[in-house]
């Protein structure tokens, strides 16, 4: 699929199947974030893959607009260092994962 077509047709999913996400797929998603360019090559991000149901439930309870997280088979938590460009850089990494 062409990049423009992927951007044009992206879907925001809020309902999930109960089957697990294959490890190769998770690896590819996280790798797409690692490969994202960042300001001054700072890469001020950290990615935590969450698959444990109780932790997904806790994340959903903490998310103001993300209660659907508890239904997902996995989630990726993105943390960032305190830096001038961290929000922009982490946002770019998240967009790459999407």
C-alpha atoms as a PDB file:
ATOM      1  CA  UNK A   1       0.000   0.000   0.000  1.00  0.00           C
ATOM      2  CA  UNK A   2       1.258   3.452  -0.844  1.00  0.00           C
ATOM      3  CA  UNK A   3       1.952   5.730   2.131  1.00  0.00           C
ATOM      4  CA  UNK A   4      -0.569   8.339   0.992  1.00  0.00           C
ATOM      5  CA  UNK A   5      -3.262   5.675   0.688  1.00  0.00           C
ATOM      6  CA  UNK A   6      -2.476   4.403   4.194  1.00  0.00           C
ATOM      7  CA  UNK A   7      -2.767   7.920   5.622  1.00  0.00           C
ATOM      8  CA  UNK A   8      -5.937   8.630   3.656  1.00  0.00           C
ATOM      9  CA  UNK A   9      -7.715   5.442   4.751  1.00  0.00           C
ATOM     10  CA  UNK A  10      -6.576   5.036   8.375  1.00  0.00           C
ATOM     11  CA  UNK A  11      -9.348   3.957  10.743  1.00  0.00           C
ATOM     12  CA  UNK A  12      -9.734   4.718  14.428  1.00  0.00           C
ATOM     13  CA  UNK A  13     -10.649   1.308  15.858  1.00  0.00           C
ATOM     14  CA  UNK A  14     -12.670   1.129  19.073  1.00  0.00           C
ATOM     15  CA  UNK A  15     -13.845  -2.517  18.936  1.00  0.00           C
ATOM     16  CA  UNK A  16     -11.433  -5.433  19.046  1.00  0.00           C
ATOM     17  CA  UNK A  17     -11.310  -9.157  18.463  1.00  0.00           C
ATOM     18  CA  UNK A  18     -10.239 -11.234  21.444  1.00  0.00           C
ATOM     19  CA  UNK A  19      -7.376 -12.978  19.639  1.00  0.00           C
ATOM     20  CA  UNK A  20      -3.811 -11.995  20.591  1.00  0.00           C
ATOM     21  CA  UNK A  21      -1.654  -9.851  18.334  1.00  0.00           C
ATOM     22  CA  UNK A  22       1.204 -11.930  16.881  1.00  0.00           C
ATOM     23  CA  UNK A  23       4.649 -11.054  18.319  1.00  0.00           C
ATOM     24  CA  UNK A  24       5.966 -10.311  14.807  1.00  0.00           C
ATOM     25  CA  UNK A  25       3.230  -7.713  14.325  1.00  0.00           C
ATOM     26  CA  UNK A  26       3.962  -6.061  17.666  1.00  0.00           C
ATOM     27  CA  UNK A  27       7.676  -6.003  16.823  1.00  0.00           C
ATOM     28  CA  UNK A  28       6.966  -4.363  13.480  1.00  0.00           C
ATOM     29  CA  UNK A  29       4.722  -1.719  15.037  1.00  0.00           C
ATOM     30  CA  UNK A  30       7.318  -0.778  17.658  1.00  0.00           C
ATOM     31  CA  UNK A  31      10.105  -0.859  15.083  1.00  0.00           C
ATOM     32  CA  UNK A  32       8.196   1.658  12.948  1.00  0.00           C
ATOM     33  CA  UNK A  33       8.311   4.028  15.926  1.00  0.00           C
ATOM     34  CA  UNK A  34      12.024   3.429  16.566  1.00  0.00           C
ATOM     35  CA  UNK A  35      12.761   4.295  12.930  1.00  0.00           C
ATOM     36  CA  UNK A  36      10.936   7.622  13.118  1.00  0.00           C
ATOM     37  CA  UNK A  37      13.071  10.728  12.786  1.00  0.00           C
ATOM     38  CA  UNK A  38      13.422  12.926  15.845  1.00  0.00           C
ATOM     39  CA  UNK A  39      14.791  16.373  16.571  1.00  0.00           C
ATOM     40  CA  UNK A  40      18.569  16.352  16.891  1.00  0.00           C
ATOM     41  CA  UNK A  41      18.249  12.528  16.789  1.00  0.00           C
ATOM     42  CA  UNK A  42      17.279  12.642  20.457  1.00  0.00           C
ATOM     43  CA  UNK A  43      14.752   9.786  20.277  1.00  0.00           C
ATOM     44  CA  UNK A  44      13.186  10.884  23.580  1.00  0.00           C
ATOM     45  CA  UNK A  45      10.717   7.994  23.708  1.00  0.00           C
ATOM     46  CA  UNK A  46      10.166   4.719  25.490  1.00  0.00           C
ATOM     47  CA  UNK A  47       7.673   2.060  24.434  1.00  0.00           C
ATOM     48  CA  UNK A  48       6.055  -0.470  26.752  1.00  0.00           C
ATOM     49  CA  UNK A  49       3.945  -3.232  25.228  1.00  0.00           C
ATOM     50  CA  UNK A  50       1.091  -4.167  27.551  1.00  0.00           C
ATOM     51  CA  UNK A  51      -0.761  -7.445  27.077  1.00  0.00           C
ATOM     52  CA  UNK A  52      -1.768  -8.275  30.642  1.00  0.00           C
ATOM     53  CA  UNK A  53      -5.532  -7.901  31.028  1.00  0.00           C
ATOM     54  CA  UNK A  54      -5.408  -6.327  34.521  1.00  0.00           C
ATOM     55  CA  UNK A  55      -2.943  -3.676  33.324  1.00  0.00           C
ATOM     56  CA  UNK A  56      -5.062  -2.930  30.248  1.00  0.00           C
ATOM     57  CA  UNK A  57      -8.051  -2.501  32.590  1.00  0.00           C
ATOM     58  CA  UNK A  58      -6.026  -0.108  34.753  1.00  0.00           C
ATOM     59  CA  UNK A  59      -4.917   1.881  31.701  1.00  0.00           C
ATOM     60  CA  UNK A  60      -8.522   2.138  30.538  1.00  0.00           C
ATOM     61  CA  UNK A  61      -9.600   3.406  33.949  1.00  0.00           C
ATOM     62  CA  UNK A  62      -6.892   6.104  33.832  1.00  0.00           C
ATOM     63  CA  UNK A  63      -7.618   7.235  30.264  1.00  0.00           C
ATOM     64  CA  UNK A  64     -10.202   9.981  30.043  1.00  0.00           C
ATOM     65  CA  UNK A  65     -11.226   9.078  26.500  1.00  0.00           C
ATOM     66  CA  UNK A  66      -9.827   5.574  26.179  1.00  0.00           C
ATOM     67  CA  UNK A  67     -12.101   3.236  28.102  1.00  0.00           C
ATOM     68  CA  UNK A  68     -12.048   0.917  25.062  1.00  0.00           C
ATOM     69  CA  UNK A  69      -8.417   0.049  25.945  1.00  0.00           C
ATOM     70  CA  UNK A  70      -9.722  -2.597  28.348  1.00  0.00           C
ATOM     71  CA  UNK A  71     -11.174  -4.491  25.373  1.00  0.00           C
ATOM     72  CA  UNK A  72      -7.953  -4.450  23.321  1.00  0.00           C
ATOM     73  CA  UNK A  73      -5.647  -7.484  23.192  1.00  0.00           C
ATOM     74  CA  UNK A  74      -2.651  -5.189  23.696  1.00  0.00           C
ATOM     75  CA  UNK A  75      -1.620  -1.559  23.964  1.00  0.00           C
ATOM     76  CA  UNK A  76       1.613   0.338  23.607  1.00  0.00           C
ATOM     77  CA  UNK A  77       2.345   2.911  26.283  1.00  0.00           C
ATOM     78  CA  UNK A  78       4.566   5.738  25.077  1.00  0.00           C
ATOM     79  CA  UNK A  79       6.727   7.525  27.603  1.00  0.00           C
ATOM     80  CA  UNK A  80       9.003  10.418  26.819  1.00  0.00           C
ATOM     81  CA  UNK A  81      12.016  12.099  28.306  1.00  0.00           C
ATOM     82  CA  UNK A  82      11.747  15.659  29.499  1.00  0.00           C
ATOM     83  CA  UNK A  83      13.075  17.577  26.535  1.00  0.00           C
ATOM     84  CA  UNK A  84      12.127  20.567  24.458  1.00  0.00           C
ATOM     85  CA  UNK A  85      11.067  18.419  21.498  1.00  0.00           C
ATOM     86  CA  UNK A  86       9.735  15.322  23.270  1.00  0.00           C
ATOM     87  CA  UNK A  87       6.024  15.885  22.635  1.00  0.00           C
ATOM     88  CA  UNK A  88       6.552  16.540  18.926  1.00  0.00           C
ATOM     89  CA  UNK A  89       8.980  13.644  18.542  1.00  0.00           C
ATOM     90  CA  UNK A  90       6.846  11.156  20.476  1.00  0.00           C
ATOM     91  CA  UNK A  91       3.791  12.264  18.491  1.00  0.00           C
ATOM     92  CA  UNK A  92       5.647  11.510  15.270  1.00  0.00           C
ATOM     93  CA  UNK A  93       6.572   8.064  16.582  1.00  0.00           C
ATOM     94  CA  UNK A  94       2.961   7.369  17.529  1.00  0.00           C
ATOM     95  CA  UNK A  95       1.813   8.426  14.069  1.00  0.00           C
ATOM     96  CA  UNK A  96       4.315   5.988  12.558  1.00  0.00           C
ATOM     97  CA  UNK A  97       2.850   3.181  14.672  1.00  0.00           C
ATOM     98  CA  UNK A  98      -0.659   4.070  13.534  1.00  0.00           C
END
